[in-house]
Amino acid sequence: MRITESRKRSLAKALSFRAIEIAVDALILSIFVETHVAIGLAVGLELVCLVLHFVFERIWNRIDYGRKVI
């Protein structure tokens, strides 16, 4: 038996994590630059990271290392 994650699950995990990260990044960046610039930078950076995170999750989904089927 092989257990895998669906693409929708990987995407939902990546999106929810990135939404939290955008808020934290924007808050931290707003200390150093104007708020609208901070939000733009945070969103841009997180979009790139979202794609990387999604690809990373999909690659690891193909690797059985550390998985157990009970």
N, C-alpha and C. Protein backbone atom coordinates (compact mmCIF):
# COMPACT_ATOMS: atom_id res chain seq x y z
N MET A 1 0.85 -1.18 0.00
CA MET A 1 0.00 0.00 0.00
C MET A 1 0.89 1.24 0.00
N ARG A 2 0.59 2.19 -0.86
CA ARG A 2 1.36 3.42 -0.94
C ARG A 2 0.46 4.59 -0.61
N ILE A 3 0.91 5.44 0.29
CA ILE A 3 0.14 6.61 0.70
C ILE A 3 0.80 7.84 0.10
N THR A 4 0.03 8.64 -0.62
CA THR A 4 0.55 9.88 -1.21
C THR A 4 -0.40 11.02 -0.92
N GLU A 5 0.08 12.22 -1.11
CA GLU A 5 -0.76 13.41 -0.97
C GLU A 5 -1.23 13.84 -2.35
N SER A 6 -2.44 14.38 -2.39
CA SER A 6 -2.95 14.90 -3.66
C SER A 6 -2.30 16.26 -3.93
N ARG A 7 -2.36 16.67 -5.18
CA ARG A 7 -1.84 17.99 -5.53
C ARG A 7 -2.62 19.09 -4.81
N LYS A 8 -3.93 18.88 -4.65
CA LYS A 8 -4.75 19.87 -3.94
C LYS A 8 -4.30 20.03 -2.49
N ARG A 9 -3.97 18.91 -1.85
CA ARG A 9 -3.51 18.98 -0.46
C ARG A 9 -2.17 19.72 -0.38
N SER A 10 -1.25 19.38 -1.27
CA SER A 10 0.05 20.07 -1.29
C SER A 10 -0.13 21.56 -1.52
N LEU A 11 -1.01 21.92 -2.44
CA LEU A 11 -1.26 23.33 -2.73
C LEU A 11 -1.91 24.03 -1.53
N ALA A 12 -2.87 23.37 -0.88
CA ALA A 12 -3.54 23.96 0.29
C ALA A 12 -2.54 24.20 1.42
N LYS A 13 -1.65 23.25 1.65
CA LYS A 13 -0.62 23.41 2.68
C LYS A 13 0.30 24.57 2.33
N ALA A 14 0.74 24.63 1.09
CA ALA A 14 1.65 25.69 0.67
C ALA A 14 0.98 27.06 0.77
N LEU A 15 -0.25 27.17 0.30
CA LEU A 15 -0.97 28.45 0.33
C LEU A 15 -1.22 28.94 1.76
N SER A 16 -1.65 28.04 2.63
CA SER A 16 -1.94 28.45 4.01
C SER A 16 -0.67 28.89 4.72
N PHE A 17 0.42 28.18 4.50
CA PHE A 17 1.69 28.56 5.12
C PHE A 17 2.16 29.91 4.58
N ARG A 18 2.05 30.10 3.28
CA ARG A 18 2.51 31.35 2.67
C ARG A 18 1.66 32.53 3.10
N ALA A 19 0.37 32.34 3.31
CA ALA A 19 -0.49 33.44 3.77
C ALA A 19 -0.01 33.95 5.13
N ILE A 20 0.34 33.03 6.00
CA ILE A 20 0.86 33.42 7.31
C ILE A 20 2.20 34.13 7.14
N GLU A 21 3.03 33.60 6.27
CA GLU A 21 4.34 34.21 6.06
C GLU A 21 4.26 35.60 5.45
N ILE A 22 3.31 35.82 4.56
CA ILE A 22 3.14 37.16 3.96
C ILE A 22 2.83 38.17 5.05
N ALA A 23 1.93 37.82 5.96
CA ALA A 23 1.57 38.73 7.04
C ALA A 23 2.77 39.05 7.93
N VAL A 24 3.53 38.03 8.29
CA VAL A 24 4.71 38.24 9.14
C VAL A 24 5.77 39.05 8.40
N ASP A 25 6.03 38.69 7.15
CA ASP A 25 7.03 39.44 6.37
C ASP A 25 6.64 40.90 6.22
N ALA A 26 5.38 41.16 5.90
CA ALA A 26 4.92 42.54 5.72
C ALA A 26 5.07 43.33 7.02
N LEU A 27 4.76 42.70 8.13
CA LEU A 27 4.89 43.36 9.42
C LEU A 27 6.35 43.72 9.70
N ILE A 28 7.24 42.78 9.48
CA ILE A 28 8.67 43.03 9.72
C ILE A 28 9.22 44.07 8.73
N LEU A 29 8.88 43.93 7.45
CA LEU A 29 9.38 44.88 6.45
C LEU A 29 8.85 46.29 6.67
N SER A 30 7.63 46.41 7.21
CA SER A 30 7.05 47.75 7.41
C SER A 30 7.82 48.55 8.45
N ILE A 31 8.64 47.90 9.23
CA ILE A 31 9.50 48.62 10.17
C ILE A 31 10.57 49.40 9.42
N PHE A 32 11.01 48.86 8.28
CA PHE A 32 12.12 49.44 7.54
C PHE A 32 11.72 50.27 6.33
N VAL A 33 10.57 49.97 5.72
CA VAL A 33 10.11 50.70 4.54
C VAL A 33 8.63 51.04 4.71
N GLU A 34 8.10 51.83 3.78
CA GLU A 34 6.70 52.20 3.84
C GLU A 34 5.82 50.96 3.73
N THR A 35 4.64 51.03 4.31
CA THR A 35 3.75 49.87 4.40
C THR A 35 3.39 49.30 3.04
N HIS A 36 3.03 50.15 2.06
CA HIS A 36 2.64 49.62 0.74
C HIS A 36 3.81 48.94 0.03
N VAL A 37 5.02 49.45 0.25
CA VAL A 37 6.21 48.82 -0.33
C VAL A 37 6.46 47.48 0.36
N ALA A 38 6.29 47.46 1.67
CA ALA A 38 6.50 46.23 2.44
C ALA A 38 5.54 45.14 2.00
N ILE A 39 4.29 45.49 1.79
CA ILE A 39 3.29 44.50 1.35
C ILE A 39 3.64 43.97 -0.04
N GLY A 40 4.02 44.87 -0.95
CA GLY A 40 4.41 44.45 -2.30
C GLY A 40 5.61 43.52 -2.30
N LEU A 41 6.61 43.86 -1.52
CA LEU A 41 7.80 43.00 -1.41
C LEU A 41 7.43 41.64 -0.82
N ALA A 42 6.63 41.65 0.23
CA ALA A 42 6.25 40.40 0.90
C ALA A 42 5.48 39.49 -0.05
N VAL A 43 4.53 40.06 -0.78
CA VAL A 43 3.72 39.26 -1.72
C VAL A 43 4.60 38.71 -2.84
N GLY A 44 5.46 39.54 -3.41
CA GLY A 44 6.34 39.09 -4.49
C GLY A 44 7.27 37.96 -4.05
N LEU A 45 7.89 38.14 -2.91
CA LEU A 45 8.78 37.10 -2.40
C LEU A 45 8.04 35.81 -2.10
N GLU A 46 6.87 35.93 -1.54
CA GLU A 46 6.12 34.73 -1.16
C GLU A 46 5.55 34.00 -2.37
N LEU A 47 5.26 34.71 -3.45
CA LEU A 47 4.81 34.02 -4.66
C LEU A 47 5.92 33.13 -5.21
N VAL A 48 7.14 33.65 -5.20
CA VAL A 48 8.28 32.84 -5.64
C VAL A 48 8.45 31.64 -4.70
N CYS A 49 8.39 31.89 -3.42
CA CYS A 49 8.54 30.81 -2.44
C CYS A 49 7.41 29.80 -2.52
N LEU A 50 6.21 30.25 -2.85
CA LEU A 50 5.07 29.34 -3.00
C LEU A 50 5.34 28.31 -4.08
N VAL A 51 5.83 28.78 -5.21
CA VAL A 51 6.13 27.86 -6.32
C VAL A 51 7.22 26.88 -5.90
N LEU A 52 8.28 27.38 -5.28
CA LEU A 52 9.35 26.50 -4.83
C LEU A 52 8.86 25.49 -3.79
N HIS A 53 8.04 25.94 -2.86
CA HIS A 53 7.50 25.06 -1.82
C HIS A 53 6.62 23.98 -2.43
N PHE A 54 5.78 24.34 -3.38
CA PHE A 54 4.89 23.37 -4.04
C PHE A 54 5.71 22.30 -4.76
N VAL A 55 6.71 22.72 -5.52
CA VAL A 55 7.57 21.77 -6.23
C VAL A 55 8.31 20.88 -5.23
N PHE A 56 8.82 21.45 -4.18
CA PHE A 56 9.52 20.71 -3.14
C PHE A 56 8.61 19.63 -2.53
N GLU A 57 7.37 20.02 -2.19
CA GLU A 57 6.41 19.06 -1.63
C GLU A 57 6.11 17.93 -2.61
N ARG A 58 5.95 18.25 -3.87
CA ARG A 58 5.64 17.23 -4.88
C ARG A 58 6.81 16.27 -5.07
N ILE A 59 8.02 16.77 -5.00
CA ILE A 59 9.19 15.89 -5.11
C ILE A 59 9.25 14.96 -3.90
N TRP A 60 9.08 15.51 -2.70
CA TRP A 60 9.12 14.69 -1.50
C TRP A 60 7.97 13.70 -1.44
N ASN A 61 6.88 14.00 -2.10
CA ASN A 61 5.75 13.07 -2.13
C ASN A 61 6.13 11.78 -2.86
N ARG A 62 7.11 11.82 -3.72
CA ARG A 62 7.56 10.65 -4.47
C ARG A 62 8.63 9.85 -3.73
N ILE A 63 9.10 10.37 -2.60
CA ILE A 63 10.16 9.72 -1.84
C ILE A 63 9.55 9.03 -0.63
N ASP A 64 9.83 7.76 -0.46
CA ASP A 64 9.24 6.99 0.64
C ASP A 64 10.04 7.09 1.94
N TYR A 65 11.16 7.75 1.92
CA TYR A 65 12.01 7.84 3.11
C TYR A 65 11.22 8.34 4.31
N GLY A 66 11.26 7.58 5.40
CA GLY A 66 10.62 7.99 6.66
C GLY A 66 9.13 7.75 6.73
N ARG A 67 8.52 7.16 5.73
CA ARG A 67 7.09 6.88 5.76
C ARG A 67 6.84 5.48 6.29
N LYS A 68 5.75 5.34 7.00
CA LYS A 68 5.34 4.02 7.48
C LYS A 68 3.87 3.85 7.16
N VAL A 69 3.53 2.68 6.71
CA VAL A 69 2.14 2.33 6.47
C VAL A 69 1.73 1.39 7.58
N ILE A 70 0.75 1.79 8.36
CA ILE A 70 0.32 1.00 9.50
C ILE A 70 -0.99 0.30 9.20
